[in-house]
C-alpha cells in the first residue's frame, strides 16, 4: 500500500538542525546548535512548516520554537521533568484524570514537530500510552467512572495515529453511555495540514458526540492557505475549533504578536481558548515570560480586542482542580494545591 500524502510528508520532515539552518540561509547559526539537546529531544519539523519561516532571519518565531540550543541543557531551579503533575494524576494505562468530568488519554508519544518547550518532552511514553493493547486499559477506566462525560485525546499528538486506530477507540466509546463529548488536542493541522484528509473528516462526521478540536498555534505566521483549508475541512466535518497558545519569550511576547495570532486564527475559523504561562519543564526556561509581563500583555489584549478574541491567561498547577487563571491577585505558583 502506498503511504498517504500526510504520512509521506511526515517521513520527509527535517531532522538535522544544520540542514534546517541551511534551508533558511542561516548556516552561521550552526555554532549555536546544541548536539546534546538534540540528542536528548531530537529535532523534527515538517518541511511545510519550515517554508513558513523567514529566510535569513535568525529571530524567526517559528524557528525559535524548534531549534535545539545550549540553553536547554542548563539546570534551572524550579524546572523539572514533570511540570504539571501528570504522574500523580495517572488513573490507568495512558489515562490522566485531573479534572472533574473529563479524562485525558495520552494516545501516543509521536508528534510531527518537536517543540522545544513541550511540557511532555520527558514523559515516559514507552510505558504510558493509552492506545497500547487496543485501548483496553483506558476504556476500563472510562467505563468504570460514570462521572467522566468528556474524553480528551492528547499526546504526543493523537492525529499521529492512523484514522482506523482512532476509529477503534471511538467505536468502543460508543458503548459507554456516560461519554457525551470528545475533545482532540492536536498540533498536526497547523504543522502538517495534509493530515486533515478525507478519511479523517469522514471519521469525524461519523461520531455521535459533539467534537471539539483544540489546535496549537503560537504565532500568526503558522497559518497559511494550506492550514486555512485544513481548518475549513475540520469545520465542515462538524468540529468546533479552538486554539491554545503558550506565551513564549522571543516568539509571541508582544501585544502585537498576540493580537495578530487571534485575528489570523479567526480568519481561519479558529477562536482563541487559552494563553498558557510556560509549564516549567526542564529544558524550557529560556522561553519563560514573567507573570507581571504576562498580565500586562493580557491587559493590552483586553483593551484592544473584542472579548471573543481574548484567550484566557492561565497556568496549570499540579493538584489544582482546574487551570488557574492569572489575574494579578494570588496567582503564585507555590500556593498549596487543591485537594
Protein backbone atom coordinates (compact mmCIF):
# COMPACT_ATOMS: atom_id res chain seq x y z
CA UNK A 1 0.00 0.00 0.00
CA UNK A 2 1.28 3.46 -0.89
CA UNK A 3 1.71 5.84 2.06
CA UNK A 4 -0.86 8.58 2.31
CA UNK A 5 0.20 12.12 1.49
CA UNK A 6 0.43 13.14 5.14
CA UNK A 7 2.47 10.09 6.05
CA UNK A 8 4.93 10.82 3.26
CA UNK A 9 5.26 14.43 4.41
CA UNK A 10 5.86 13.13 7.94
CA UNK A 11 8.68 10.88 6.74
CA UNK A 12 10.29 13.74 4.84
CA UNK A 13 10.45 16.02 7.91
CA UNK A 14 13.73 17.77 8.66
CA UNK A 15 15.61 16.01 11.45
CA UNK A 16 19.06 17.61 11.27
CA UNK A 17 19.38 21.08 12.84
CA UNK A 18 22.15 22.00 10.43
CA UNK A 19 20.03 21.05 7.44
CA UNK A 20 17.27 23.24 8.83
CA UNK A 21 19.63 26.20 9.12
CA UNK A 22 20.98 25.61 5.63
CA UNK A 23 17.46 25.65 4.20
CA UNK A 24 16.93 29.03 5.86
CA UNK A 25 20.25 30.53 4.78
CA UNK A 26 21.44 30.56 8.38
CA UNK A 27 24.44 28.24 8.32
CA UNK A 28 26.33 30.64 10.57
CA UNK A 29 23.95 29.74 13.42
CA UNK A 30 25.19 26.14 13.44
CA UNK A 31 27.63 27.09 16.22
CA UNK A 32 24.63 27.81 18.45
CA UNK A 33 23.05 24.39 17.94
CA UNK A 34 23.27 22.05 20.92
CA UNK A 35 24.03 18.49 19.90
CA UNK A 36 23.35 17.41 23.48
CA UNK A 37 19.87 18.96 23.42
CA UNK A 38 19.17 17.43 20.03
CA UNK A 39 20.26 14.02 21.32
CA UNK A 40 18.00 14.33 24.36
CA UNK A 41 14.99 15.61 22.38
CA UNK A 42 15.55 15.19 18.63
CA UNK A 43 14.63 17.88 16.15
CA UNK A 44 11.68 17.10 13.92
CA UNK A 45 9.89 19.68 11.79
CA UNK A 46 7.81 19.21 8.61
CA UNK A 47 9.15 20.93 5.52
CA UNK A 48 5.88 22.80 5.00
CA UNK A 49 6.36 24.39 8.41
CA UNK A 50 9.95 25.27 7.53
CA UNK A 51 8.63 27.00 4.41
CA UNK A 52 6.70 29.42 6.66
CA UNK A 53 9.89 30.52 8.42
CA UNK A 54 11.51 33.74 7.26
CA UNK A 55 14.61 33.02 5.19
CA UNK A 56 17.72 34.60 6.66
CA UNK A 57 16.06 35.65 9.92
CA UNK A 58 17.79 34.18 12.99
CA UNK A 59 14.98 35.53 15.18
CA UNK A 60 12.15 33.94 13.23
CA UNK A 61 9.43 32.98 15.78
CA UNK A 62 8.76 29.60 14.17
CA UNK A 63 12.44 28.69 14.03
CA UNK A 64 12.87 29.59 17.70
CA UNK A 65 10.21 27.05 18.67
CA UNK A 66 12.09 24.10 17.17
CA UNK A 67 15.84 24.81 17.16
CA UNK A 68 17.79 22.96 19.93
CA UNK A 69 20.03 25.38 21.84
CA UNK A 70 22.60 25.11 24.64
CA UNK A 71 20.20 26.88 26.99
CA UNK A 72 18.13 23.69 27.16
CA UNK A 73 20.93 21.86 28.93
CA UNK A 74 21.40 24.37 31.76
CA UNK A 75 19.73 23.29 35.02
CA UNK A 76 17.36 25.95 36.33
CA UNK A 77 15.80 25.76 39.82
CA UNK A 78 12.07 25.15 39.68
CA UNK A 79 12.16 23.41 36.30
CA UNK A 80 11.67 19.64 36.42
CA UNK A 81 10.75 16.54 34.45
CA UNK A 82 7.01 16.53 35.24
CA UNK A 83 5.97 20.15 35.23
CA UNK A 84 2.21 19.67 35.56
CA UNK A 85 1.85 16.60 37.78
CA UNK A 86 0.88 14.09 35.10
CA UNK A 87 2.44 11.24 37.06
CA UNK A 88 0.39 11.88 40.19
CA UNK A 89 -2.82 12.10 38.14
CA UNK A 90 -2.39 8.76 36.40
CA UNK A 91 -5.61 6.73 36.53
CA UNK A 92 -4.64 3.87 34.22
CA UNK A 93 -2.52 2.96 31.21
CA UNK A 94 -2.06 6.31 29.46
CA UNK A 95 -5.01 7.86 31.32
CA UNK A 96 -4.66 11.16 33.21
CA UNK A 97 -7.61 12.17 35.36
CA UNK A 98 -7.05 15.63 36.86
CA UNK A 99 -10.34 17.42 36.44
CA UNK A 100 -13.93 16.59 37.30
CA UNK A 101 -15.96 15.15 34.43
CA UNK A 102 -13.16 14.54 31.96
CA UNK A 103 -10.28 12.17 31.38
CA UNK A 104 -7.27 12.69 29.14
CA UNK A 105 -5.81 9.86 27.11
CA UNK A 106 -2.16 10.06 26.14
CA UNK A 107 -2.91 8.45 22.82
CA UNK A 108 0.67 8.27 21.53
CA UNK A 109 4.11 9.71 22.08
CA UNK A 110 4.56 10.62 18.42
CA UNK A 111 4.28 14.13 17.03
CA UNK A 112 5.13 15.65 13.66
CA UNK A 113 7.03 18.54 15.28
CA UNK A 114 9.16 18.63 18.40
CA UNK A 115 8.55 21.94 20.13
CA UNK A 116 11.41 22.76 22.47
CA UNK A 117 9.08 23.98 25.24
CA UNK A 118 6.95 20.81 25.21
CA UNK A 119 5.79 20.03 28.76
CA UNK A 120 5.84 16.30 28.00
CA UNK A 121 9.31 16.20 26.47
CA UNK A 122 10.39 13.91 29.35
CA UNK A 123 7.16 11.89 29.59
CA UNK A 124 7.62 8.06 29.75
CA UNK A 125 5.64 7.34 26.60
CA UNK A 126 7.05 3.82 26.26
CA UNK A 127 5.17 2.79 29.41
CA UNK A 128 2.24 5.22 29.31
CA UNK A 129 0.37 5.11 26.01
CA UNK A 130 -3.40 4.67 26.05
CA UNK A 131 -3.54 3.09 22.60
CA UNK A 132 -1.48 0.12 23.78
CA UNK A 133 -3.40 -3.15 23.85
CA UNK A 134 -6.26 -1.84 21.76
CA UNK A 135 -7.10 0.90 24.29
CA UNK A 136 -8.35 -1.77 26.73
CA UNK A 137 -6.97 -0.33 29.98
CA UNK A 138 -8.06 3.20 29.10
CA UNK A 139 -11.55 2.05 28.20
CA UNK A 140 -11.84 0.20 31.50
CA UNK A 141 -11.07 3.42 33.41
CA UNK A 142 -13.64 5.42 31.46
CA UNK A 143 -16.34 2.78 31.62
CA UNK A 144 -15.80 2.36 35.35
CA UNK A 145 -16.29 6.04 36.21
CA UNK A 146 -19.75 7.45 35.34
CA UNK A 147 -18.53 10.97 36.19
CA UNK A 148 -16.39 11.01 33.02
CA UNK A 149 -18.52 12.70 30.38
CA UNK A 150 -15.73 14.06 28.19
CA UNK A 151 -12.77 12.20 26.71
CA UNK A 152 -9.70 14.21 25.67
CA UNK A 153 -7.20 12.82 23.19
CA UNK A 154 -3.71 14.19 23.66
CA UNK A 155 -0.15 13.00 23.33
CA UNK A 156 2.32 13.45 21.66
CA UNK A 157 -0.31 14.15 19.07
CA UNK A 158 -3.36 11.90 18.71
CA UNK A 159 -3.62 12.65 14.98
CA UNK A 160 -0.23 10.97 14.63
CA UNK A 161 -2.26 7.76 14.78
CA UNK A 162 -3.80 6.40 11.61
CA UNK A 163 -7.51 7.10 11.35
CA UNK A 164 -8.52 3.43 11.69
CA UNK A 165 -6.70 3.34 15.05
CA UNK A 166 -8.66 6.40 16.21
CA UNK A 167 -11.87 4.78 14.98
CA UNK A 168 -11.03 1.70 17.04
CA UNK A 169 -11.23 3.89 20.15
CA UNK A 170 -14.37 5.79 19.23
CA UNK A 171 -16.18 2.62 18.18
CA UNK A 172 -15.58 1.29 21.69
CA UNK A 173 -16.53 4.59 23.35
CA UNK A 174 -19.96 4.43 21.71
CA UNK A 175 -20.83 1.61 24.10
CA UNK A 176 -20.15 3.78 27.19
CA UNK A 177 -23.37 5.72 27.81
CA UNK A 178 -21.96 8.42 30.07
CA UNK A 179 -19.48 9.68 27.42
CA UNK A 180 -21.06 12.79 25.92
CA UNK A 181 -18.21 14.76 24.30
CA UNK A 182 -14.89 14.17 22.52
CA UNK A 183 -12.04 16.67 22.53
CA UNK A 184 -8.91 16.35 20.40
CA UNK A 185 -5.79 18.36 21.25
CA UNK A 186 -3.57 18.45 18.18
CA UNK A 187 -0.83 20.46 16.50
CA UNK A 188 -0.86 18.46 13.27
CA UNK A 189 -3.46 20.52 11.37
CA UNK A 190 -1.11 23.51 11.92
CA UNK A 191 2.28 21.95 11.19
CA UNK A 192 1.16 19.14 8.85
CA UNK A 193 -2.19 20.22 7.35
CA UNK A 194 -2.10 17.27 4.94
CA UNK A 195 -3.20 15.16 7.92
CA UNK A 196 -6.73 16.54 7.54
CA UNK A 197 -7.65 14.21 4.69
CA UNK A 198 -10.92 12.74 3.50
CA UNK A 199 -10.58 9.66 5.72
CA UNK A 200 -10.13 11.81 8.83
CA UNK A 201 -13.06 14.10 8.10
CA UNK A 202 -15.29 11.13 7.28
CA UNK A 203 -14.42 9.67 10.70
CA UNK A 204 -15.24 12.96 12.41
CA UNK A 205 -18.61 13.17 10.65
CA UNK A 206 -19.48 9.67 11.83
CA UNK A 207 -19.06 10.42 15.53
CA UNK A 208 -22.20 10.58 17.68
CA UNK A 209 -20.98 13.32 20.06
CA UNK A 210 -20.05 16.99 19.78
CA UNK A 211 -16.36 17.17 18.84
CA UNK A 212 -14.03 20.00 19.83
CA UNK A 213 -10.66 20.20 18.10
CA UNK A 214 -8.15 22.31 20.04
CA UNK A 215 -5.27 23.21 17.75
CA UNK A 216 -2.00 24.74 18.89
CA UNK A 217 -0.52 27.77 17.15
CA UNK A 218 1.67 30.32 18.90
CA UNK A 219 2.21 32.85 16.12
CA UNK A 220 0.18 34.21 13.22
CA UNK A 221 2.87 33.09 10.77
CA UNK A 222 1.99 29.47 11.50
CA UNK A 223 -1.14 29.90 9.39
CA UNK A 224 -1.10 29.77 5.60
CA UNK A 225 -3.57 28.79 2.88
CA UNK A 226 -3.00 25.07 3.41
CA UNK A 227 -3.75 25.46 7.12
CA UNK A 228 -6.84 27.50 6.25
CA UNK A 229 -8.02 24.65 4.01
CA UNK A 230 -7.46 22.13 6.80
CA UNK A 231 -9.39 24.27 9.28
CA UNK A 232 -12.28 24.61 6.84
CA UNK A 233 -12.37 20.85 6.35
CA UNK A 234 -12.50 20.28 10.11
CA UNK A 235 -15.31 22.79 10.46
CA UNK A 236 -17.20 21.21 7.58
CA UNK A 237 -16.91 17.89 9.42
CA UNK A 238 -18.74 19.45 12.37
CA UNK A 239 -15.83 20.18 14.70
CA UNK A 240 -15.70 23.25 16.92
CA UNK A 241 -12.23 24.79 16.55
CA UNK A 242 -10.31 26.46 19.37
CA UNK A 243 -6.66 27.47 19.67
CA UNK A 244 -4.40 27.25 22.67
CA UNK A 245 -1.06 29.03 22.67
CA UNK A 246 1.88 29.21 25.03
CA UNK A 247 3.37 32.59 25.93
CA UNK A 248 6.98 32.27 24.78
CA UNK A 249 9.84 34.71 25.08
CA UNK A 250 11.12 35.67 21.65
CA UNK A 251 8.11 34.13 19.90
CA UNK A 252 4.91 35.92 20.84
CA UNK A 253 5.73 38.05 23.89
CA UNK A 254 4.34 41.28 22.48
CA UNK A 255 0.79 42.62 22.31
CA UNK A 256 1.06 43.00 18.54
CA UNK A 257 2.06 39.36 18.08
CA UNK A 258 -0.77 38.10 20.29
CA UNK A 259 -3.37 40.32 18.60
CA UNK A 260 -2.20 39.10 15.19
CA UNK A 261 -2.44 35.48 16.36
CA UNK A 262 -6.06 35.85 17.48
CA UNK A 263 -7.06 37.72 14.33
CA UNK A 264 -5.29 35.30 11.98
CA UNK A 265 -6.82 32.35 13.79
CA UNK A 266 -10.29 33.85 13.47
CA UNK A 267 -9.72 34.32 9.74
CA UNK A 268 -9.16 30.55 9.60
CA UNK A 269 -12.27 29.86 11.69
CA UNK A 270 -10.47 29.23 15.00
CA UNK A 271 -11.32 31.03 18.24
CA UNK A 272 -8.68 31.64 20.94
CA UNK A 273 -9.08 29.45 24.03
CA UNK A 274 -6.07 29.53 26.36
CA UNK A 275 -2.85 31.51 26.53
CA UNK A 276 -0.72 29.35 28.81
CA UNK A 277 2.05 30.56 31.01
CA UNK A 278 5.00 28.27 30.31
CA UNK A 279 4.92 24.89 32.01
CA UNK A 280 8.21 24.75 33.91
CA UNK A 281 9.67 21.68 32.25
CA UNK A 282 13.43 21.11 32.29
CA UNK A 283 14.96 22.49 29.10
CA UNK A 284 12.44 25.28 28.53
CA UNK A 285 13.45 28.00 31.00
CA UNK A 286 14.76 30.30 28.25
CA UNK A 287 11.19 30.64 26.93
CA UNK A 288 9.69 31.86 30.21
CA UNK A 289 7.92 35.23 30.43
CA UNK A 290 7.46 36.61 33.95
CA UNK A 291 3.95 36.94 35.36
CA UNK A 292 3.97 40.74 35.50
CA UNK A 293 4.77 40.94 31.79
CA UNK A 294 2.18 38.28 31.00
CA UNK A 295 -0.50 40.18 32.88
CA UNK A 296 0.43 43.44 31.17
CA UNK A 297 0.24 41.79 27.75
CA UNK A 298 -3.11 40.24 28.56
CA UNK A 299 -4.47 43.61 29.71
CA UNK A 300 -3.40 45.04 26.35
CA UNK A 301 -5.37 42.32 24.56
CA UNK A 302 -8.46 43.09 26.63
CA UNK A 303 -8.15 46.77 25.77
CA UNK A 304 -7.58 46.22 22.06
CA UNK A 305 -9.80 43.29 21.09
CA UNK A 306 -13.36 42.06 21.25
CA UNK A 307 -13.87 39.67 24.13
CA UNK A 308 -14.19 36.59 21.92
CA UNK A 309 -10.69 37.27 20.58
CA UNK A 310 -9.06 37.34 24.03
CA UNK A 311 -7.76 33.96 25.27
CA UNK A 312 -7.82 33.16 28.99
CA UNK A 313 -4.38 33.63 30.56
CA UNK A 314 -3.79 30.53 32.67
CA UNK A 315 -1.22 28.38 34.38
CA UNK A 316 -1.52 24.66 35.05
CA UNK A 317 -0.55 23.85 38.64
CA UNK A 318 -0.19 20.27 39.78
CA UNK A 319 -3.02 19.32 42.13
CA UNK A 320 -5.37 22.16 41.19
CA UNK A 321 -8.94 21.28 40.26
CA UNK A 322 -8.76 23.36 37.07
CA UNK A 323 -6.43 25.63 35.14
CA UNK A 324 -5.51 28.61 37.32
CA UNK A 325 -6.41 31.99 35.83
CA UNK A 326 -3.78 34.70 36.24
CA UNK A 327 -5.44 37.86 37.46
CA UNK A 328 -2.70 39.72 39.30
CA UNK A 329 -4.03 38.52 42.66
CA UNK A 330 -2.98 35.22 44.29
CA UNK A 331 -1.55 33.70 41.14
CA UNK A 332 1.67 32.45 42.73
CA UNK A 333 2.85 29.05 41.62
CA UNK A 334 3.64 27.95 45.20
CA UNK A 335 0.14 28.11 46.59
CA UNK A 336 -0.83 24.77 48.21
CA UNK A 337 -2.63 22.56 45.69
CA UNK A 338 -6.35 21.91 45.88
CA UNK A 339 -7.12 18.54 47.47
